[in-house]
């Protein structure tokens, strides 16, 4: 598990059934490409978030594969329809096998 990795998510707590909502995510991560050399002259091993997914009540909303050119602390903003009350589950997958997740509930009101 990489040091200092922290996922953050902004999602509405309430929405009307059928509303389109904006979801914002950011994960603190150094995102080392594997192409730079350290002070000792050796390549620094690649360490990136290589995949990001979001599900609503178990159904896929977004599934993104990331490559070495992604910036530090990747930020995603996207829209999703809220058909019913439920949970958005956000998941980030790290090269080292670590998985980071966050869940936000949305009520209908």
C-alpha atoms as a PDB file:
ATOM      1  CA  UNK A   1       0.000   0.000   0.000  1.00  0.00           C
ATOM      2  CA  UNK A   2       1.415   3.377  -1.024  1.00  0.00           C
ATOM      3  CA  UNK A   3       1.982   5.981   1.682  1.00  0.00           C
ATOM      4  CA  UNK A   4      -0.442   8.888   2.062  1.00  0.00           C
ATOM      5  CA  UNK A   5      -3.080   7.611  -0.364  1.00  0.00           C
ATOM      6  CA  UNK A   6      -6.421   9.165   0.486  1.00  0.00           C
ATOM      7  CA  UNK A   7      -9.592   9.009  -1.648  1.00  0.00           C
ATOM      8  CA  UNK A   8     -12.076  11.888  -1.491  1.00  0.00           C
ATOM      9  CA  UNK A   9     -15.566  12.005  -2.989  1.00  0.00           C
ATOM     10  CA  UNK A  10     -18.261  14.658  -3.329  1.00  0.00           C
ATOM     11  CA  UNK A  11     -21.754  13.351  -4.033  1.00  0.00           C
ATOM     12  CA  UNK A  12     -25.195  14.736  -3.165  1.00  0.00           C
ATOM     13  CA  UNK A  13     -26.923  13.246  -0.110  1.00  0.00           C
ATOM     14  CA  UNK A  14     -30.384  13.609  -1.696  1.00  0.00           C
ATOM     15  CA  UNK A  15     -31.795  13.617  -5.212  1.00  0.00           C
ATOM     16  CA  UNK A  16     -35.132  13.121  -6.919  1.00  0.00           C
ATOM     17  CA  UNK A  17     -35.645   9.806  -8.716  1.00  0.00           C
ATOM     18  CA  UNK A  18     -34.300  10.187 -12.254  1.00  0.00           C
ATOM     19  CA  UNK A  19     -32.097  13.192 -11.446  1.00  0.00           C
ATOM     20  CA  UNK A  20     -28.697  13.499 -13.067  1.00  0.00           C
ATOM     21  CA  UNK A  21     -26.111  14.317 -10.399  1.00  0.00           C
ATOM     22  CA  UNK A  22     -22.479  15.427 -10.618  1.00  0.00           C
ATOM     23  CA  UNK A  23     -19.913  13.261  -8.825  1.00  0.00           C
ATOM     24  CA  UNK A  24     -16.388  14.474  -8.057  1.00  0.00           C
ATOM     25  CA  UNK A  25     -13.486  12.297  -6.936  1.00  0.00           C
ATOM     26  CA  UNK A  26      -9.860  12.915  -6.081  1.00  0.00           C
ATOM     27  CA  UNK A  27      -7.276  10.491  -4.764  1.00  0.00           C
ATOM     28  CA  UNK A  28      -3.975  11.635  -3.274  1.00  0.00           C
ATOM     29  CA  UNK A  29      -1.279   9.500  -4.926  1.00  0.00           C
ATOM     30  CA  UNK A  30       2.266  10.263  -6.177  1.00  0.00           C
ATOM     31  CA  UNK A  31       1.734   8.416  -9.489  1.00  0.00           C
ATOM     32  CA  UNK A  32       5.304   7.448 -10.418  1.00  0.00           C
ATOM     33  CA  UNK A  33       5.511   6.603 -14.161  1.00  0.00           C
ATOM     34  CA  UNK A  34       8.476   4.206 -13.918  1.00  0.00           C
ATOM     35  CA  UNK A  35      10.443   6.274 -16.450  1.00  0.00           C
ATOM     36  CA  UNK A  36      12.287   8.647 -14.094  1.00  0.00           C
ATOM     37  CA  UNK A  37      15.601   7.963 -12.413  1.00  0.00           C
ATOM     38  CA  UNK A  38      16.258   8.464  -8.722  1.00  0.00           C
ATOM     39  CA  UNK A  39      19.293  10.173  -7.190  1.00  0.00           C
ATOM     40  CA  UNK A  40      21.149   6.838  -7.380  1.00  0.00           C
ATOM     41  CA  UNK A  41      20.694   6.709 -11.173  1.00  0.00           C
ATOM     42  CA  UNK A  42      18.322   3.733 -11.112  1.00  0.00           C
ATOM     43  CA  UNK A  43      14.784   3.802 -12.473  1.00  0.00           C
ATOM     44  CA  UNK A  44      12.095   4.512  -9.893  1.00  0.00           C
ATOM     45  CA  UNK A  45       9.548   1.650 -10.115  1.00  0.00           C
ATOM     46  CA  UNK A  46       6.174   2.437 -11.651  1.00  0.00           C
ATOM     47  CA  UNK A  47       3.469   3.083  -9.060  1.00  0.00           C
ATOM     48  CA  UNK A  48       0.174   4.435 -10.364  1.00  0.00           C
ATOM     49  CA  UNK A  49      -3.547   4.092  -9.844  1.00  0.00           C
ATOM     50  CA  UNK A  50      -4.235   1.934 -12.911  1.00  0.00           C
ATOM     51  CA  UNK A  51      -8.032   1.683 -12.765  1.00  0.00           C
ATOM     52  CA  UNK A  52     -10.972   3.648 -11.382  1.00  0.00           C
ATOM     53  CA  UNK A  53     -14.559   2.381 -11.193  1.00  0.00           C
ATOM     54  CA  UNK A  54     -17.873   3.653  -9.904  1.00  0.00           C
ATOM     55  CA  UNK A  55     -20.992   1.550  -9.348  1.00  0.00           C
ATOM     56  CA  UNK A  56     -24.499   2.458  -8.251  1.00  0.00           C
ATOM     57  CA  UNK A  57     -26.282  -0.337  -6.385  1.00  0.00           C
ATOM     58  CA  UNK A  58     -23.925  -2.840  -8.034  1.00  0.00           C
ATOM     59  CA  UNK A  59     -24.384  -1.544 -11.604  1.00  0.00           C
ATOM     60  CA  UNK A  60     -21.417  -0.014 -13.427  1.00  0.00           C
ATOM     61  CA  UNK A  61     -21.503   3.753 -13.922  1.00  0.00           C
ATOM     62  CA  UNK A  62     -17.906   4.285 -15.105  1.00  0.00           C
ATOM     63  CA  UNK A  63     -14.818   2.109 -15.558  1.00  0.00           C
ATOM     64  CA  UNK A  64     -11.560   3.857 -16.511  1.00  0.00           C
ATOM     65  CA  UNK A  65      -8.156   2.308 -17.250  1.00  0.00           C
ATOM     66  CA  UNK A  66      -5.286   4.679 -16.442  1.00  0.00           C
ATOM     67  CA  UNK A  67      -1.813   4.694 -18.005  1.00  0.00           C
ATOM     68  CA  UNK A  68       1.596   5.992 -16.901  1.00  0.00           C
ATOM     69  CA  UNK A  69       0.972   9.500 -18.295  1.00  0.00           C
ATOM     70  CA  UNK A  70      -1.773  10.209 -15.725  1.00  0.00           C
ATOM     71  CA  UNK A  71      -1.075  13.144 -13.418  1.00  0.00           C
ATOM     72  CA  UNK A  72      -0.401  13.060  -9.692  1.00  0.00           C
ATOM     73  CA  UNK A  73      -3.578  13.030  -7.556  1.00  0.00           C
ATOM     74  CA  UNK A  74      -6.031  12.037 -10.325  1.00  0.00           C
ATOM     75  CA  UNK A  75      -9.350  13.904 -10.322  1.00  0.00           C
ATOM     76  CA  UNK A  76     -12.530  12.709 -12.015  1.00  0.00           C
ATOM     77  CA  UNK A  77     -15.797  14.612 -12.441  1.00  0.00           C
ATOM     78  CA  UNK A  78     -18.719  12.912 -14.158  1.00  0.00           C
ATOM     79  CA  UNK A  79     -22.512  12.704 -14.162  1.00  0.00           C
ATOM     80  CA  UNK A  80     -24.759   9.797 -13.266  1.00  0.00           C
ATOM     81  CA  UNK A  81     -28.507   9.229 -13.131  1.00  0.00           C
ATOM     82  CA  UNK A  82     -29.999   8.334  -9.755  1.00  0.00           C
ATOM     83  CA  UNK A  83     -32.980   6.028 -10.495  1.00  0.00           C
ATOM     84  CA  UNK A  84     -33.612   5.145  -6.828  1.00  0.00           C
ATOM     85  CA  UNK A  85     -32.130   5.480  -3.360  1.00  0.00           C
ATOM     86  CA  UNK A  86     -28.855   3.644  -3.040  1.00  0.00           C
ATOM     87  CA  UNK A  87     -25.095   3.674  -2.786  1.00  0.00           C
ATOM     88  CA  UNK A  88     -22.373   4.874  -5.120  1.00  0.00           C
ATOM     89  CA  UNK A  89     -19.237   2.786  -4.639  1.00  0.00           C
ATOM     90  CA  UNK A  90     -15.988   4.319  -5.888  1.00  0.00           C
ATOM     91  CA  UNK A  91     -12.923   2.067  -6.242  1.00  0.00           C
ATOM     92  CA  UNK A  92      -9.298   2.831  -7.150  1.00  0.00           C
ATOM     93  CA  UNK A  93      -6.826   0.051  -8.026  1.00  0.00           C
ATOM     94  CA  UNK A  94      -3.088   0.546  -7.389  1.00  0.00           C
ATOM     95  CA  UNK A  95      -0.184  -1.139  -9.233  1.00  0.00           C
ATOM     96  CA  UNK A  96       0.984  -2.644  -5.935  1.00  0.00           C
ATOM     97  CA  UNK A  97      -2.299  -4.560  -5.606  1.00  0.00           C
ATOM     98  CA  UNK A  98      -3.875  -2.164  -3.106  1.00  0.00           C
ATOM     99  CA  UNK A  99      -7.534  -1.291  -3.527  1.00  0.00           C
ATOM    100  CA  UNK A 100      -8.998   1.916  -2.106  1.00  0.00           C
ATOM    101  CA  UNK A 101     -12.736   2.459  -1.928  1.00  0.00           C
ATOM    102  CA  UNK A 102     -15.300   4.948  -0.723  1.00  0.00           C
ATOM    103  CA  UNK A 103     -19.088   4.658  -0.585  1.00  0.00           C
ATOM    104  CA  UNK A 104     -21.620   7.493  -0.647  1.00  0.00           C
ATOM    105  CA  UNK A 105     -25.338   6.988  -0.064  1.00  0.00           C
ATOM    106  CA  UNK A 106     -27.990   8.958  -1.919  1.00  0.00           C
ATOM    107  CA  UNK A 107     -31.539   9.250  -0.574  1.00  0.00           C
ATOM    108  CA  UNK A 108     -34.590  10.047  -2.688  1.00  0.00           C
ATOM    109  CA  UNK A 109     -36.351  13.135  -1.484  1.00  0.00           C
END
